N, C-alpha and C. Protein backbone atom coordinates (compact mmCIF):
# COMPACT_ATOMS: atom_id res chain seq x y z
N MET A 1 54.67 -104.40 125.77
CA MET A 1 55.25 -104.82 127.01
C MET A 1 54.44 -105.98 127.58
N ARG A 2 55.10 -107.03 127.96
CA ARG A 2 54.42 -108.17 128.59
C ARG A 2 54.48 -108.00 130.09
N SER A 3 53.34 -108.09 130.73
CA SER A 3 53.26 -108.02 132.18
C SER A 3 52.74 -109.34 132.68
N VAL A 4 53.32 -109.81 133.76
CA VAL A 4 52.94 -111.11 134.28
C VAL A 4 52.90 -111.04 135.79
N ALA A 5 51.87 -111.61 136.39
CA ALA A 5 51.87 -111.83 137.82
C ALA A 5 52.61 -113.15 138.01
N LEU A 6 53.79 -113.10 138.60
CA LEU A 6 54.68 -114.25 138.68
C LEU A 6 54.56 -114.91 140.04
N LEU A 7 54.42 -116.22 140.03
CA LEU A 7 54.35 -116.99 141.25
C LEU A 7 55.48 -118.00 141.22
N ALA A 8 56.30 -118.00 142.23
CA ALA A 8 57.42 -118.93 142.28
C ALA A 8 57.34 -119.71 143.57
N PHE A 9 57.80 -120.97 143.54
CA PHE A 9 57.83 -121.73 144.77
C PHE A 9 59.05 -122.62 144.79
N PHE A 10 59.55 -122.87 146.00
CA PHE A 10 60.66 -123.79 146.18
C PHE A 10 60.53 -124.43 147.55
N GLY A 11 61.10 -125.63 147.69
CA GLY A 11 60.97 -126.41 148.91
C GLY A 11 61.94 -125.97 149.98
N SER A 12 61.58 -126.25 151.22
CA SER A 12 62.44 -126.03 152.37
C SER A 12 62.10 -127.07 153.42
N VAL A 13 62.85 -127.10 154.48
CA VAL A 13 62.62 -128.09 155.53
C VAL A 13 61.25 -127.90 156.17
N LEU A 14 60.78 -126.68 156.28
CA LEU A 14 59.52 -126.38 156.95
C LEU A 14 58.36 -126.21 155.99
N GLY A 15 58.45 -126.76 154.81
CA GLY A 15 57.39 -126.61 153.82
C GLY A 15 57.95 -125.97 152.58
N ARG A 16 57.14 -125.18 151.93
CA ARG A 16 57.52 -124.51 150.69
C ARG A 16 57.51 -123.02 150.91
N THR A 17 58.33 -122.36 150.17
CA THR A 17 58.32 -120.90 150.17
C THR A 17 57.76 -120.46 148.83
N PHE A 18 56.70 -119.67 148.87
CA PHE A 18 56.09 -119.12 147.68
C PHE A 18 56.40 -117.63 147.63
N THR A 19 56.60 -117.14 146.44
CA THR A 19 56.76 -115.71 146.22
C THR A 19 55.77 -115.27 145.15
N VAL A 20 54.98 -114.28 145.47
CA VAL A 20 54.07 -113.67 144.50
C VAL A 20 54.71 -112.36 144.09
N TYR A 21 55.03 -112.25 142.82
CA TYR A 21 55.67 -111.05 142.28
C TYR A 21 54.72 -110.40 141.27
N ASN A 22 54.42 -109.14 141.49
CA ASN A 22 53.58 -108.39 140.56
C ASN A 22 54.48 -107.74 139.52
N ALA A 23 54.58 -108.35 138.36
CA ALA A 23 55.39 -107.81 137.26
C ALA A 23 54.58 -106.87 136.38
N CYS A 24 53.37 -106.56 136.79
CA CYS A 24 52.51 -105.64 136.03
C CYS A 24 52.89 -104.20 136.38
N PRO A 25 52.68 -103.28 135.45
CA PRO A 25 52.99 -101.86 135.73
C PRO A 25 51.85 -101.16 136.48
N PHE A 26 51.04 -101.90 137.18
CA PHE A 26 49.92 -101.34 137.95
C PHE A 26 49.70 -102.22 139.18
N THR A 27 48.96 -101.71 140.14
CA THR A 27 48.65 -102.43 141.37
C THR A 27 47.68 -103.57 141.09
N ILE A 28 47.92 -104.71 141.73
CA ILE A 28 46.96 -105.81 141.75
C ILE A 28 46.73 -106.17 143.21
N TRP A 29 45.71 -106.96 143.47
CA TRP A 29 45.40 -107.43 144.80
C TRP A 29 45.38 -108.96 144.77
N PRO A 30 46.52 -109.60 145.06
CA PRO A 30 46.54 -111.06 145.06
C PRO A 30 45.60 -111.63 146.13
N ALA A 31 45.12 -112.82 145.86
CA ALA A 31 44.23 -113.52 146.79
C ALA A 31 44.65 -114.98 146.86
N VAL A 32 44.41 -115.60 148.02
CA VAL A 32 44.75 -117.00 148.25
C VAL A 32 43.53 -117.71 148.79
N PHE A 33 43.26 -118.90 148.27
CA PHE A 33 42.15 -119.70 148.77
C PHE A 33 42.62 -121.13 148.97
N THR A 34 42.17 -121.75 150.05
CA THR A 34 42.43 -123.14 150.35
C THR A 34 41.09 -123.84 150.52
N ASP A 35 40.87 -124.92 149.79
CA ASP A 35 39.63 -125.69 149.96
C ASP A 35 39.76 -126.52 151.23
N LEU A 36 39.16 -126.05 152.32
CA LEU A 36 39.26 -126.72 153.61
C LEU A 36 38.45 -128.01 153.66
N ASN A 37 37.67 -128.29 152.62
CA ASN A 37 36.97 -129.58 152.54
C ASN A 37 37.92 -130.69 152.11
N VAL A 38 39.07 -130.34 151.56
CA VAL A 38 40.04 -131.31 151.06
C VAL A 38 41.17 -131.54 152.05
N GLY A 39 41.55 -130.52 152.77
CA GLY A 39 42.63 -130.61 153.74
C GLY A 39 42.60 -129.40 154.66
N ASN A 40 43.39 -129.45 155.74
CA ASN A 40 43.35 -128.34 156.69
C ASN A 40 44.64 -127.53 156.71
N ALA A 41 45.60 -127.83 155.83
CA ALA A 41 46.84 -127.06 155.77
C ALA A 41 46.58 -125.76 155.01
N VAL A 42 46.99 -124.65 155.60
CA VAL A 42 46.80 -123.34 154.97
C VAL A 42 48.12 -122.59 154.91
N PRO A 43 48.30 -121.74 153.89
CA PRO A 43 49.52 -120.94 153.78
C PRO A 43 49.66 -119.95 154.93
N GLY A 44 50.89 -119.55 155.19
CA GLY A 44 51.17 -118.59 156.25
C GLY A 44 51.05 -117.16 155.78
N ILE A 45 49.89 -116.82 155.23
CA ILE A 45 49.66 -115.45 154.75
C ILE A 45 48.16 -115.18 154.80
N GLU A 46 47.79 -113.91 154.91
CA GLU A 46 46.37 -113.57 154.87
C GLU A 46 45.81 -113.91 153.48
N THR A 47 44.51 -113.92 153.36
CA THR A 47 43.86 -114.37 152.12
C THR A 47 43.77 -113.30 151.04
N GLY A 48 44.28 -112.12 151.30
CA GLY A 48 44.32 -111.07 150.28
C GLY A 48 45.18 -109.91 150.73
N TRP A 49 45.82 -109.24 149.78
CA TRP A 49 46.67 -108.09 150.08
C TRP A 49 46.84 -107.25 148.83
N GLU A 50 47.33 -106.03 149.02
CA GLU A 50 47.63 -105.13 147.91
C GLU A 50 49.08 -105.30 147.49
N ALA A 51 49.33 -105.39 146.18
CA ALA A 51 50.68 -105.53 145.65
C ALA A 51 50.91 -104.44 144.61
N ALA A 52 51.69 -103.45 144.98
CA ALA A 52 52.03 -102.37 144.04
C ALA A 52 52.82 -102.96 142.87
N ALA A 53 52.91 -102.21 141.80
CA ALA A 53 53.65 -102.64 140.62
C ALA A 53 55.08 -103.02 141.00
N PHE A 54 55.55 -104.14 140.45
CA PHE A 54 56.93 -104.60 140.59
C PHE A 54 57.35 -104.86 142.04
N THR A 55 56.41 -105.35 142.84
CA THR A 55 56.73 -105.73 144.22
C THR A 55 56.50 -107.22 144.39
N LYS A 56 57.08 -107.78 145.46
CA LYS A 56 56.90 -109.20 145.72
C LYS A 56 56.61 -109.43 147.19
N ARG A 57 56.00 -110.58 147.45
CA ARG A 57 55.68 -110.99 148.81
C ARG A 57 55.99 -112.47 148.92
N THR A 58 56.73 -112.85 149.94
CA THR A 58 57.15 -114.23 150.14
C THR A 58 56.48 -114.77 151.41
N PHE A 59 56.04 -116.03 151.35
CA PHE A 59 55.37 -116.65 152.50
C PHE A 59 55.57 -118.16 152.45
N ASN A 60 55.32 -118.81 153.57
CA ASN A 60 55.48 -120.26 153.67
C ASN A 60 54.16 -120.97 153.45
N VAL A 61 54.27 -122.14 152.83
CA VAL A 61 53.11 -122.99 152.55
C VAL A 61 53.45 -124.40 153.05
N PRO A 62 52.55 -125.04 153.79
CA PRO A 62 52.84 -126.40 154.26
C PRO A 62 53.01 -127.36 153.08
N ASP A 63 53.83 -128.40 153.29
CA ASP A 63 54.07 -129.40 152.24
C ASP A 63 52.81 -130.11 151.79
N ASN A 64 51.79 -130.13 152.63
CA ASN A 64 50.56 -130.85 152.29
C ASN A 64 49.40 -129.92 151.95
N TRP A 65 49.71 -128.75 151.35
CA TRP A 65 48.65 -127.84 150.95
C TRP A 65 47.85 -128.47 149.82
N LYS A 66 46.59 -128.68 150.04
CA LYS A 66 45.71 -129.30 149.06
C LYS A 66 44.75 -128.26 148.50
N ALA A 67 44.52 -128.35 147.22
CA ALA A 67 43.53 -127.52 146.56
C ALA A 67 43.74 -126.03 146.83
N GLY A 68 44.97 -125.58 146.64
CA GLY A 68 45.27 -124.17 146.83
C GLY A 68 45.16 -123.39 145.53
N ARG A 69 44.74 -122.13 145.65
CA ARG A 69 44.62 -121.25 144.49
C ARG A 69 45.17 -119.88 144.85
N ILE A 70 45.82 -119.26 143.89
CA ILE A 70 46.26 -117.87 144.01
C ILE A 70 45.86 -117.16 142.71
N TRP A 71 45.31 -115.96 142.83
CA TRP A 71 44.94 -115.20 141.64
C TRP A 71 45.10 -113.72 141.94
N GLY A 72 45.11 -112.93 140.91
CA GLY A 72 45.20 -111.49 141.05
C GLY A 72 43.87 -110.83 140.77
N ARG A 73 43.61 -109.78 141.52
CA ARG A 73 42.38 -109.00 141.32
C ARG A 73 42.79 -107.63 140.80
N ARG A 74 41.93 -107.04 139.98
CA ARG A 74 42.25 -105.75 139.36
C ARG A 74 41.19 -104.70 139.66
N ASN A 75 41.67 -103.46 139.70
CA ASN A 75 40.80 -102.29 139.84
C ASN A 75 39.84 -102.47 141.02
N CYS A 76 40.39 -102.64 142.20
CA CYS A 76 39.58 -102.89 143.40
C CYS A 76 39.32 -101.62 144.19
N ASN A 77 38.15 -101.58 144.83
CA ASN A 77 37.80 -100.51 145.76
C ASN A 77 37.03 -101.16 146.89
N PHE A 78 37.74 -101.48 147.97
CA PHE A 78 37.13 -102.20 149.08
C PHE A 78 36.38 -101.28 150.04
N SER A 79 36.61 -99.97 149.96
CA SER A 79 35.97 -99.05 150.89
C SER A 79 34.50 -98.84 150.57
N THR A 80 34.13 -98.84 149.31
CA THR A 80 32.73 -98.61 148.96
C THR A 80 31.96 -99.90 148.74
N ASN A 81 32.67 -100.99 148.47
CA ASN A 81 32.00 -102.26 148.22
C ASN A 81 32.90 -103.40 148.70
N PRO A 82 32.74 -103.84 149.93
CA PRO A 82 33.63 -104.88 150.47
C PRO A 82 33.26 -106.30 150.04
N GLY A 83 32.34 -106.45 149.12
CA GLY A 83 31.88 -107.78 148.72
C GLY A 83 32.57 -108.31 147.48
N PRO A 84 31.98 -109.33 146.86
CA PRO A 84 32.60 -110.00 145.72
C PRO A 84 32.74 -109.12 144.49
N ASN A 85 31.99 -108.03 144.42
CA ASN A 85 32.08 -107.12 143.27
C ASN A 85 32.94 -105.90 143.57
N SER A 86 33.81 -106.00 144.57
CA SER A 86 34.67 -104.87 144.93
C SER A 86 35.81 -104.65 143.93
N CYS A 87 36.02 -105.62 143.04
CA CYS A 87 37.07 -105.51 142.02
C CYS A 87 36.43 -105.68 140.65
N LEU A 88 37.02 -105.04 139.65
CA LEU A 88 36.52 -105.18 138.30
C LEU A 88 36.63 -106.63 137.83
N SER A 89 37.71 -107.31 138.28
CA SER A 89 37.84 -108.73 137.97
C SER A 89 38.53 -109.45 139.11
N GLY A 90 38.10 -110.68 139.39
CA GLY A 90 38.72 -111.52 140.38
C GLY A 90 38.30 -111.29 141.82
N GLY A 91 37.29 -110.46 142.07
CA GLY A 91 36.85 -110.19 143.43
C GLY A 91 36.45 -111.47 144.16
N CYS A 92 36.24 -111.36 145.47
CA CYS A 92 35.86 -112.54 146.25
C CYS A 92 34.96 -112.14 147.40
N ASN A 93 34.24 -113.12 147.96
CA ASN A 93 33.47 -112.88 149.17
C ASN A 93 34.44 -112.47 150.27
N GLY A 94 34.17 -111.36 150.91
CA GLY A 94 35.02 -110.89 151.99
C GLY A 94 35.75 -109.61 151.67
N GLY A 95 35.84 -109.23 150.40
CA GLY A 95 36.55 -108.00 150.05
C GLY A 95 38.05 -108.22 149.98
N LEU A 96 38.83 -107.36 150.64
CA LEU A 96 40.29 -107.48 150.60
C LEU A 96 40.74 -108.84 151.11
N LEU A 97 40.21 -109.24 152.27
CA LEU A 97 40.53 -110.56 152.83
C LEU A 97 39.43 -111.53 152.41
N CYS A 98 39.75 -112.40 151.49
CA CYS A 98 38.76 -113.34 150.97
C CYS A 98 38.31 -114.29 152.07
N ASP A 99 37.02 -114.57 152.09
CA ASP A 99 36.44 -115.49 153.07
C ASP A 99 37.10 -116.87 152.95
N SER A 100 37.50 -117.44 154.07
CA SER A 100 38.23 -118.72 154.05
C SER A 100 37.37 -119.89 153.60
N ARG A 101 36.06 -119.76 153.61
CA ARG A 101 35.18 -120.85 153.18
C ARG A 101 34.59 -120.64 151.79
N THR A 102 34.33 -119.38 151.42
CA THR A 102 33.63 -119.12 150.16
C THR A 102 34.35 -118.13 149.25
N GLY A 103 35.57 -117.75 149.58
CA GLY A 103 36.26 -116.70 148.84
C GLY A 103 37.11 -117.20 147.70
N THR A 104 36.54 -117.98 146.80
CA THR A 104 37.32 -118.59 145.72
C THR A 104 37.60 -117.65 144.56
N GLY A 105 36.95 -116.54 144.48
CA GLY A 105 37.17 -115.60 143.38
C GLY A 105 36.01 -115.60 142.41
N VAL A 106 35.67 -114.42 141.94
CA VAL A 106 34.59 -114.23 140.99
C VAL A 106 35.18 -114.17 139.58
N PRO A 107 34.70 -115.01 138.67
CA PRO A 107 35.19 -114.95 137.29
C PRO A 107 34.87 -113.58 136.66
N PRO A 108 35.68 -113.15 135.74
CA PRO A 108 36.85 -113.83 135.19
C PRO A 108 38.09 -113.62 136.05
N ALA A 109 38.90 -114.67 136.18
CA ALA A 109 40.16 -114.58 136.92
C ALA A 109 41.11 -115.68 136.46
N SER A 110 42.32 -115.31 136.09
CA SER A 110 43.39 -116.28 135.82
C SER A 110 43.82 -116.83 137.17
N VAL A 111 43.96 -118.15 137.29
CA VAL A 111 44.19 -118.78 138.59
C VAL A 111 45.40 -119.70 138.52
N ALA A 112 46.27 -119.60 139.53
CA ALA A 112 47.35 -120.56 139.73
C ALA A 112 46.85 -121.57 140.75
N GLU A 113 46.96 -122.86 140.44
CA GLU A 113 46.41 -123.90 141.30
C GLU A 113 47.50 -124.87 141.73
N TRP A 114 47.41 -125.36 142.98
CA TRP A 114 48.37 -126.31 143.52
C TRP A 114 47.71 -127.42 144.28
N THR A 115 48.33 -128.58 144.23
CA THR A 115 48.18 -129.66 145.20
C THR A 115 49.59 -130.12 145.48
N LEU A 116 50.04 -129.95 146.70
CA LEU A 116 51.40 -130.32 147.07
C LEU A 116 51.40 -131.68 147.75
N ASN A 117 52.42 -132.45 147.45
CA ASN A 117 52.59 -133.77 148.05
C ASN A 117 51.30 -134.58 147.92
N ALA A 118 50.82 -134.71 146.70
CA ALA A 118 49.58 -135.44 146.41
C ALA A 118 49.74 -136.92 146.76
N ALA A 119 48.67 -137.68 146.59
CA ALA A 119 48.68 -139.11 146.93
C ALA A 119 49.79 -139.86 146.21
N ASP A 120 50.18 -139.40 145.02
CA ASP A 120 51.27 -140.04 144.27
C ASP A 120 52.64 -139.51 144.69
N GLY A 121 52.67 -138.61 145.70
CA GLY A 121 53.93 -138.06 146.18
C GLY A 121 54.45 -136.89 145.37
N LEU A 122 53.74 -136.52 144.32
CA LEU A 122 54.18 -135.44 143.45
C LEU A 122 53.45 -134.15 143.78
N ASP A 123 54.03 -133.04 143.33
CA ASP A 123 53.36 -131.75 143.39
C ASP A 123 52.70 -131.50 142.04
N TRP A 124 51.49 -131.02 142.08
CA TRP A 124 50.75 -130.70 140.85
C TRP A 124 50.44 -129.22 140.87
N TYR A 125 50.65 -128.55 139.74
CA TYR A 125 50.36 -127.13 139.63
C TYR A 125 50.02 -126.79 138.19
N ASP A 126 49.25 -125.73 138.03
CA ASP A 126 48.89 -125.27 136.69
C ASP A 126 48.41 -123.83 136.76
N VAL A 127 48.40 -123.18 135.60
CA VAL A 127 47.72 -121.90 135.43
C VAL A 127 46.43 -122.22 134.71
N SER A 128 45.32 -121.89 135.32
CA SER A 128 44.01 -122.24 134.77
C SER A 128 43.26 -121.01 134.29
N LEU A 129 42.62 -121.16 133.14
CA LEU A 129 41.73 -120.12 132.62
C LEU A 129 40.28 -120.61 132.63
N VAL A 130 40.01 -121.67 133.39
CA VAL A 130 38.65 -122.19 133.50
C VAL A 130 37.71 -121.13 134.07
N ASP A 131 38.23 -120.30 134.98
CA ASP A 131 37.42 -119.22 135.55
C ASP A 131 37.53 -117.93 134.74
N GLY A 132 38.09 -118.03 133.54
CA GLY A 132 38.26 -116.86 132.70
C GLY A 132 39.67 -116.31 132.79
N TYR A 133 39.90 -115.18 132.17
CA TYR A 133 41.22 -114.55 132.11
C TYR A 133 41.11 -113.10 132.56
N ASN A 134 42.05 -112.68 133.43
CA ASN A 134 42.11 -111.26 133.76
C ASN A 134 43.54 -110.73 133.86
N LEU A 135 44.53 -111.62 133.98
CA LEU A 135 45.93 -111.19 134.06
C LEU A 135 46.82 -112.27 133.46
N PRO A 136 47.91 -111.88 132.81
CA PRO A 136 48.91 -112.88 132.44
C PRO A 136 49.51 -113.46 133.73
N MET A 137 49.88 -114.75 133.70
CA MET A 137 50.38 -115.38 134.92
C MET A 137 51.41 -116.44 134.56
N ARG A 138 52.38 -116.63 135.46
CA ARG A 138 53.41 -117.65 135.26
C ARG A 138 53.76 -118.27 136.62
N ILE A 139 53.94 -119.59 136.65
CA ILE A 139 54.43 -120.29 137.85
C ILE A 139 55.82 -120.81 137.52
N THR A 140 56.81 -120.38 138.30
CA THR A 140 58.16 -120.90 138.16
C THR A 140 58.51 -121.68 139.42
N ASN A 141 59.65 -122.37 139.39
CA ASN A 141 60.06 -123.16 140.54
C ASN A 141 61.57 -123.30 140.55
N THR A 142 62.10 -123.84 141.63
CA THR A 142 63.54 -124.03 141.73
C THR A 142 63.94 -125.48 141.52
N ALA A 143 63.02 -126.32 141.11
CA ALA A 143 63.29 -127.75 140.93
C ALA A 143 63.50 -128.12 139.46
N SER A 144 63.64 -127.14 138.60
CA SER A 144 63.81 -127.35 137.16
C SER A 144 62.63 -128.10 136.53
N CYS A 145 61.47 -127.94 137.12
CA CYS A 145 60.25 -128.51 136.55
C CYS A 145 59.71 -127.55 135.49
N PRO A 146 58.82 -128.02 134.64
CA PRO A 146 58.27 -127.13 133.60
C PRO A 146 57.58 -125.91 134.21
N VAL A 147 57.64 -124.82 133.47
CA VAL A 147 56.97 -123.58 133.85
C VAL A 147 55.54 -123.65 133.35
N ALA A 148 54.60 -123.32 134.22
CA ALA A 148 53.19 -123.23 133.83
C ALA A 148 52.88 -121.76 133.64
N ASP A 149 52.31 -121.40 132.49
CA ASP A 149 52.02 -119.99 132.31
C ASP A 149 50.96 -119.73 131.25
N CYS A 150 50.43 -118.56 131.33
CA CYS A 150 49.65 -117.92 130.30
C CYS A 150 50.15 -116.48 130.36
N ALA A 151 51.29 -116.26 129.73
CA ALA A 151 52.04 -115.02 129.91
C ALA A 151 51.77 -113.96 128.85
N VAL A 152 50.67 -114.09 128.14
CA VAL A 152 50.34 -113.09 127.13
C VAL A 152 49.05 -112.38 127.53
N ASP A 153 48.87 -111.20 127.00
CA ASP A 153 47.65 -110.44 127.23
C ASP A 153 46.60 -110.92 126.23
N LEU A 154 45.62 -111.65 126.73
CA LEU A 154 44.56 -112.18 125.87
C LEU A 154 43.47 -111.16 125.59
N GLY A 155 43.52 -110.01 126.26
CA GLY A 155 42.48 -109.00 126.14
C GLY A 155 42.14 -108.59 124.73
N PRO A 156 43.14 -108.35 123.85
CA PRO A 156 42.81 -107.93 122.48
C PRO A 156 42.03 -108.98 121.69
N ASP A 157 42.07 -110.24 122.12
CA ASP A 157 41.35 -111.29 121.42
C ASP A 157 39.99 -111.61 122.04
N CYS A 158 39.58 -110.82 123.02
CA CYS A 158 38.29 -111.06 123.67
C CYS A 158 37.14 -110.75 122.71
N PRO A 159 36.04 -111.47 122.87
CA PRO A 159 34.84 -111.15 122.09
C PRO A 159 34.18 -109.88 122.63
N PRO A 160 33.34 -109.22 121.83
CA PRO A 160 32.61 -108.05 122.33
C PRO A 160 31.75 -108.47 123.52
N PRO A 161 31.47 -107.69 124.53
CA PRO A 161 31.88 -106.30 124.67
C PRO A 161 33.22 -106.13 125.38
N SER A 162 33.96 -107.20 125.63
CA SER A 162 35.23 -107.09 126.35
C SER A 162 36.40 -106.74 125.45
N LYS A 163 36.24 -106.83 124.12
CA LYS A 163 37.35 -106.55 123.21
C LYS A 163 37.91 -105.16 123.46
N GLY A 164 39.23 -105.09 123.51
CA GLY A 164 39.89 -103.83 123.77
C GLY A 164 40.15 -103.57 125.23
N HIS A 165 39.54 -104.35 126.11
CA HIS A 165 39.79 -104.23 127.54
C HIS A 165 40.76 -105.33 127.92
N SER A 166 41.95 -104.96 128.35
CA SER A 166 43.00 -105.94 128.58
C SER A 166 42.80 -106.74 129.86
N ILE A 167 41.66 -106.59 130.53
CA ILE A 167 41.53 -107.28 131.79
C ILE A 167 40.43 -108.34 131.82
N LEU A 168 39.61 -108.44 130.83
CA LEU A 168 38.49 -109.36 130.93
C LEU A 168 38.42 -110.32 129.75
N LEU A 169 38.38 -111.58 130.04
CA LEU A 169 38.07 -112.58 129.04
C LEU A 169 37.45 -113.74 129.80
N ALA A 170 36.19 -113.95 129.60
CA ALA A 170 35.51 -115.01 130.34
C ALA A 170 35.86 -116.36 129.74
N SER A 171 35.71 -117.38 130.54
CA SER A 171 35.95 -118.73 130.05
C SER A 171 34.85 -119.12 129.08
N GLN A 172 35.03 -120.22 128.39
CA GLN A 172 34.03 -120.68 127.45
C GLN A 172 32.70 -120.90 128.16
N LEU A 173 32.75 -121.28 129.44
CA LEU A 173 31.53 -121.48 130.20
C LEU A 173 30.71 -120.20 130.30
N ASP A 174 31.41 -119.06 130.32
CA ASP A 174 30.73 -117.78 130.45
C ASP A 174 30.64 -117.03 129.14
N ALA A 175 31.16 -117.60 128.06
CA ALA A 175 31.23 -116.87 126.80
C ALA A 175 29.86 -116.48 126.27
N SER A 176 28.84 -117.25 126.60
CA SER A 176 27.50 -116.92 126.10
C SER A 176 27.02 -115.60 126.67
N LEU A 177 27.58 -115.16 127.79
CA LEU A 177 27.21 -113.87 128.35
C LEU A 177 27.82 -112.71 127.57
N LEU A 178 28.88 -113.00 126.81
CA LEU A 178 29.62 -111.94 126.13
C LEU A 178 29.29 -111.83 124.66
N ALA A 179 29.00 -112.94 124.02
CA ALA A 179 28.80 -112.92 122.58
C ALA A 179 27.82 -114.01 122.19
N PRO A 180 27.16 -113.83 121.05
CA PRO A 180 26.26 -114.88 120.59
C PRO A 180 27.02 -116.16 120.27
N PRO A 181 26.38 -117.32 120.42
CA PRO A 181 27.05 -118.58 120.09
C PRO A 181 27.53 -118.58 118.65
N ILE A 182 28.64 -119.26 118.43
CA ILE A 182 29.22 -119.34 117.08
C ILE A 182 28.69 -120.56 116.38
């Protein structure tokens, strides 16, 4: 079974409407971060929430959202540890509600990234594994633009000691922590 945390966006007169859909058969905790050093437009949603399996949440994002990120966190317990290690993967400073200045997410985490209405007038988006992998992810849209995704479970291909755990795969930057150099 393929599970994907699905992110969709489409334009409207008042900005963009984003929908985060948890297509996984388990709970995830989506998180949102805006780099306020790049711009001051922020989405109309809190910086973290719980998303039960097969649920969605829709919110508005300003047309000029710069340096935005959305990612999913797994296996979280905010009551005993409200800090960046409150989740097995993707945690952030602040716990459930990621800190607006430093809550970018702790690797490994699959990340959806946006810059809307960039200097060239275009929207830029991607699914990034630079911070590692923890969930399959897909970005869809209503403008018939290409779909950005990493919609497969990379867990079985992880190096030891993460092999067999479907939630952790560090980026190449962190690979030395998991396995000897090749």
